[in-house]
Amino acid sequence: QVQLVESGGGLVQAGGSLRLSCTASGLTFSLYTMGWFRQAPGKEREFVATITWSGGMTYYADSVKGRFTISRDNAKNTAYLQMNSLKAEDTAVYFCAALQYGTAYVVRERAYEYWGQGTQVTVSS
């Protein structure tokens, strides 16, 4: 049984930082490209960032480029999303997702095989 569990969300002031974690179980983590998506109230879920299964490539949405960093530790079966210079518009539920052998440019949520339950990030202005 595959599980992805996000953690690290919370309430932060604008300009602050948070680091989200996504810990996987029930799959061979090192074979999966990991993606982060987010869904703000009243909006559709949108792509945030990906990191390939090898960790060799990353890709970001324009809205977070230069502020967010995706990384992974295959020994810990965990992917991370470091979020700096947070803005009110970053407020959303953040989800991680897994796709076996995906490229870095897979931004369509339907392509991903497994999803976490999400963690809330709230940025106060």
C-alpha atoms as a PDB file:
ATOM      1  CA  GLN A   1       0.000   0.000   0.000  1.00  0.00           C
ATOM      2  CA  VAL A   2       1.530   3.244  -1.168  1.00  0.00           C
ATOM      3  CA  GLN A   3       1.374   6.237   1.138  1.00  0.00           C
ATOM      4  CA  LEU A   4       2.632   9.775   0.707  1.00  0.00           C
ATOM      5  CA  VAL A   5       2.475  11.886   3.844  1.00  0.00           C
ATOM      6  CA  GLU A   6       3.068  15.631   3.756  1.00  0.00           C
ATOM      7  CA  SER A   7       4.110  17.648   6.776  1.00  0.00           C
ATOM      8  CA  GLY A   8       5.545  21.031   7.636  1.00  0.00           C
ATOM      9  CA  GLY A   9       2.661  23.278   6.735  1.00  0.00           C
ATOM     10  CA  GLY A  10       1.451  26.055   8.995  1.00  0.00           C
ATOM     11  CA  LEU A  11       0.885  29.753   9.424  1.00  0.00           C
ATOM     12  CA  VAL A  12       3.677  32.148   8.508  1.00  0.00           C
ATOM     13  CA  GLN A  13       3.971  35.877   7.891  1.00  0.00           C
ATOM     14  CA  ALA A  14       4.642  37.224   4.439  1.00  0.00           C
ATOM     15  CA  GLY A  15       8.345  37.143   3.719  1.00  0.00           C
ATOM     16  CA  GLY A  16       8.850  34.120   5.918  1.00  0.00           C
ATOM     17  CA  SER A  17       9.873  30.547   5.131  1.00  0.00           C
ATOM     18  CA  LEU A  18       8.552  27.031   5.518  1.00  0.00           C
ATOM     19  CA  ARG A  19       9.890  23.638   4.545  1.00  0.00           C
ATOM     20  CA  LEU A  20       7.433  20.972   3.526  1.00  0.00           C
ATOM     21  CA  SER A  21       8.278  17.278   3.630  1.00  0.00           C
ATOM     22  CA  CYS A  22       6.723  14.371   1.788  1.00  0.00           C
ATOM     23  CA  THR A  23       7.597  10.933   3.119  1.00  0.00           C
ATOM     24  CA  ALA A  24       6.765   7.927   0.978  1.00  0.00           C
ATOM     25  CA  SER A  25       6.203   4.299   1.857  1.00  0.00           C
ATOM     26  CA  GLY A  26       5.120   1.229  -0.068  1.00  0.00           C
ATOM     27  CA  LEU A  27       7.063   2.092  -3.199  1.00  0.00           C
ATOM     28  CA  THR A  28      10.666   2.181  -4.420  1.00  0.00           C
ATOM     29  CA  PHE A  29      11.085   5.899  -3.849  1.00  0.00           C
ATOM     30  CA  SER A  30      14.256   6.263  -5.914  1.00  0.00           C
ATOM     31  CA  LEU A  31      12.335   5.253  -9.060  1.00  0.00           C
ATOM     32  CA  TYR A  32       9.723   7.999  -8.740  1.00  0.00           C
ATOM     33  CA  THR A  33       9.728  11.570  -9.911  1.00  0.00           C
ATOM     34  CA  MET A  34       8.163  13.697  -7.202  1.00  0.00           C
ATOM     35  CA  GLY A  35       5.948  16.679  -7.769  1.00  0.00           C
ATOM     36  CA  TRP A  36       4.463  19.363  -5.575  1.00  0.00           C
ATOM     37  CA  PHE A  37       1.106  20.898  -6.404  1.00  0.00           C
ATOM     38  CA  ARG A  38      -1.110  23.339  -4.556  1.00  0.00           C
ATOM     39  CA  GLN A  39      -4.756  24.300  -4.425  1.00  0.00           C
ATOM     40  CA  ALA A  40      -5.932  27.657  -3.169  1.00  0.00           C
ATOM     41  CA  PRO A  41      -9.519  28.194  -2.011  1.00  0.00           C
ATOM     42  CA  GLY A  42     -11.880  28.380  -4.954  1.00  0.00           C
ATOM     43  CA  LYS A  43      -9.156  27.570  -7.462  1.00  0.00           C
ATOM     44  CA  GLU A  44      -7.999  24.528  -9.351  1.00  0.00           C
ATOM     45  CA  ARG A  45      -4.976  22.569  -8.228  1.00  0.00           C
ATOM     46  CA  GLU A  46      -1.824  23.850  -9.907  1.00  0.00           C
ATOM     47  CA  PHE A  47       1.692  22.664 -10.502  1.00  0.00           C
ATOM     48  CA  VAL A  48       4.456  23.994  -8.263  1.00  0.00           C
ATOM     49  CA  ALA A  49       7.651  21.981  -8.775  1.00  0.00           C
ATOM     50  CA  THR A  50       9.089  18.617  -9.762  1.00  0.00           C
ATOM     51  CA  ILE A  51      12.285  16.703  -9.156  1.00  0.00           C
ATOM     52  CA  THR A  52      13.241  13.681 -11.188  1.00  0.00           C
ATOM     53  CA  TRP A  53      13.702  10.247  -9.704  1.00  0.00           C
ATOM     54  CA  SER A  54      17.484  10.637  -9.876  1.00  0.00           C
ATOM     55  CA  GLY A  55      17.372  14.135  -8.440  1.00  0.00           C
ATOM     56  CA  GLY A  56      19.239  15.370 -11.462  1.00  0.00           C
ATOM     57  CA  MET A  57      16.617  17.737 -12.795  1.00  0.00           C
ATOM     58  CA  THR A  58      14.126  20.106 -11.278  1.00  0.00           C
ATOM     59  CA  TYR A  59      11.418  22.268 -12.784  1.00  0.00           C
ATOM     60  CA  TYR A  60       9.367  25.100 -11.296  1.00  0.00           C
ATOM     61  CA  ALA A  61       6.261  27.069 -12.001  1.00  0.00           C
ATOM     62  CA  ASP A  62       7.092  30.652 -12.917  1.00  0.00           C
ATOM     63  CA  SER A  63       5.189  31.878  -9.872  1.00  0.00           C
ATOM     64  CA  VAL A  64       7.618  30.201  -7.452  1.00  0.00           C
ATOM     65  CA  LYS A  65      10.871  30.223  -9.407  1.00  0.00           C
ATOM     66  CA  GLY A  66      13.681  31.741  -7.386  1.00  0.00           C
ATOM     67  CA  ARG A  67      11.744  31.446  -4.117  1.00  0.00           C
ATOM     68  CA  PHE A  68      11.028  27.722  -3.779  1.00  0.00           C
ATOM     69  CA  THR A  69      13.500  24.830  -3.934  1.00  0.00           C
ATOM     70  CA  ILE A  70      12.557  21.191  -4.386  1.00  0.00           C
ATOM     71  CA  SER A  71      14.931  18.471  -3.224  1.00  0.00           C
ATOM     72  CA  ARG A  72      14.920  14.845  -2.192  1.00  0.00           C
ATOM     73  CA  ASP A  73      16.724  12.386   0.019  1.00  0.00           C
ATOM     74  CA  ASN A  74      16.279   8.915  -1.415  1.00  0.00           C
ATOM     75  CA  ALA A  75      17.827   7.332   1.676  1.00  0.00           C
ATOM     76  CA  LYS A  76      14.989   8.809   3.728  1.00  0.00           C
ATOM     77  CA  ASN A  77      12.255   8.277   1.119  1.00  0.00           C
ATOM     78  CA  THR A  78      11.470  11.959   1.458  1.00  0.00           C
ATOM     79  CA  ALA A  79      10.999  14.913  -0.859  1.00  0.00           C
ATOM     80  CA  TYR A  80      11.161  18.491   0.343  1.00  0.00           C
ATOM     81  CA  LEU A  81       9.879  21.869  -0.730  1.00  0.00           C
ATOM     82  CA  GLN A  82      11.760  24.789   0.775  1.00  0.00           C
ATOM     83  CA  MET A  83       9.621  27.898   0.464  1.00  0.00           C
ATOM     84  CA  ASN A  84      11.221  31.300   1.018  1.00  0.00           C
ATOM     85  CA  SER A  85       9.946  34.854   0.604  1.00  0.00           C
ATOM     86  CA  LEU A  86       6.404  33.618   1.008  1.00  0.00           C
ATOM     87  CA  LYS A  87       3.561  35.745  -0.240  1.00  0.00           C
ATOM     88  CA  ALA A  88      -0.112  35.815   0.632  1.00  0.00           C
ATOM     89  CA  GLU A  89      -0.885  34.312  -2.769  1.00  0.00           C
ATOM     90  CA  ASP A  90       1.110  31.202  -1.801  1.00  0.00           C
ATOM     91  CA  THR A  91      -1.672  30.321   0.646  1.00  0.00           C
ATOM     92  CA  ALA A  92      -2.993  26.918  -0.368  1.00  0.00           C
ATOM     93  CA  VAL A  93      -3.128  23.252   0.467  1.00  0.00           C
ATOM     94  CA  TYR A  94       0.106  21.714  -0.799  1.00  0.00           C
ATOM     95  CA  PHE A  95       0.142  18.178  -2.151  1.00  0.00           C
ATOM     96  CA  CYS A  96       2.983  15.893  -3.124  1.00  0.00           C
ATOM     97  CA  ALA A  97       2.630  13.340  -5.883  1.00  0.00           C
ATOM     98  CA  ALA A  98       4.693  10.508  -7.343  1.00  0.00           C
ATOM     99  CA  LEU A  99       5.208   9.303 -10.908  1.00  0.00           C
ATOM    100  CA  GLN A 100       7.464   6.407 -11.778  1.00  0.00           C
ATOM    101  CA  TYR A 101      10.309   7.409 -14.088  1.00  0.00           C
ATOM    102  CA  GLY A 102       8.629  10.707 -14.941  1.00  0.00           C
ATOM    103  CA  THR A 103      10.551  13.518 -16.562  1.00  0.00           C
ATOM    104  CA  ALA A 104      10.964  16.845 -14.826  1.00  0.00           C
ATOM    105  CA  TYR A 105       8.419  18.452 -17.128  1.00  0.00           C
ATOM    106  CA  VAL A 106       5.370  16.454 -16.142  1.00  0.00           C
ATOM    107  CA  VAL A 107       3.112  19.211 -14.862  1.00  0.00           C
ATOM    108  CA  ARG A 108      -0.282  17.616 -15.475  1.00  0.00           C
ATOM    109  CA  GLU A 109      -1.693  16.289 -12.241  1.00  0.00           C
ATOM    110  CA  ARG A 110      -3.481  13.453 -14.029  1.00  0.00           C
ATOM    111  CA  ALA A 111      -0.120  11.962 -14.977  1.00  0.00           C
ATOM    112  CA  TYR A 112       0.803  11.283 -11.358  1.00  0.00           C
ATOM    113  CA  GLU A 113       0.085   7.889  -9.895  1.00  0.00           C
ATOM    114  CA  TYR A 114       0.048   8.578  -6.180  1.00  0.00           C
ATOM    115  CA  TRP A 115      -0.945  11.557  -4.039  1.00  0.00           C
ATOM    116  CA  GLY A 116      -0.635  12.664  -0.466  1.00  0.00           C
ATOM    117  CA  GLN A 117      -3.473  14.089   1.577  1.00  0.00           C
ATOM    118  CA  GLY A 118      -2.106  17.638   1.575  1.00  0.00           C
ATOM    119  CA  THR A 119      -0.829  20.111   4.137  1.00  0.00           C
ATOM    120  CA  GLN A 120      -2.154  23.623   4.665  1.00  0.00           C
ATOM    121  CA  VAL A 121       0.108  26.617   4.179  1.00  0.00           C
ATOM    122  CA  THR A 122      -1.275  29.984   5.213  1.00  0.00           C
ATOM    123  CA  VAL A 123       0.684  33.177   4.604  1.00  0.00           C
ATOM    124  CA  SER A 124      -0.564  36.255   6.420  1.00  0.00           C
ATOM    125  CA  SER A 125       0.045  39.658   4.901  1.00  0.00           C
END
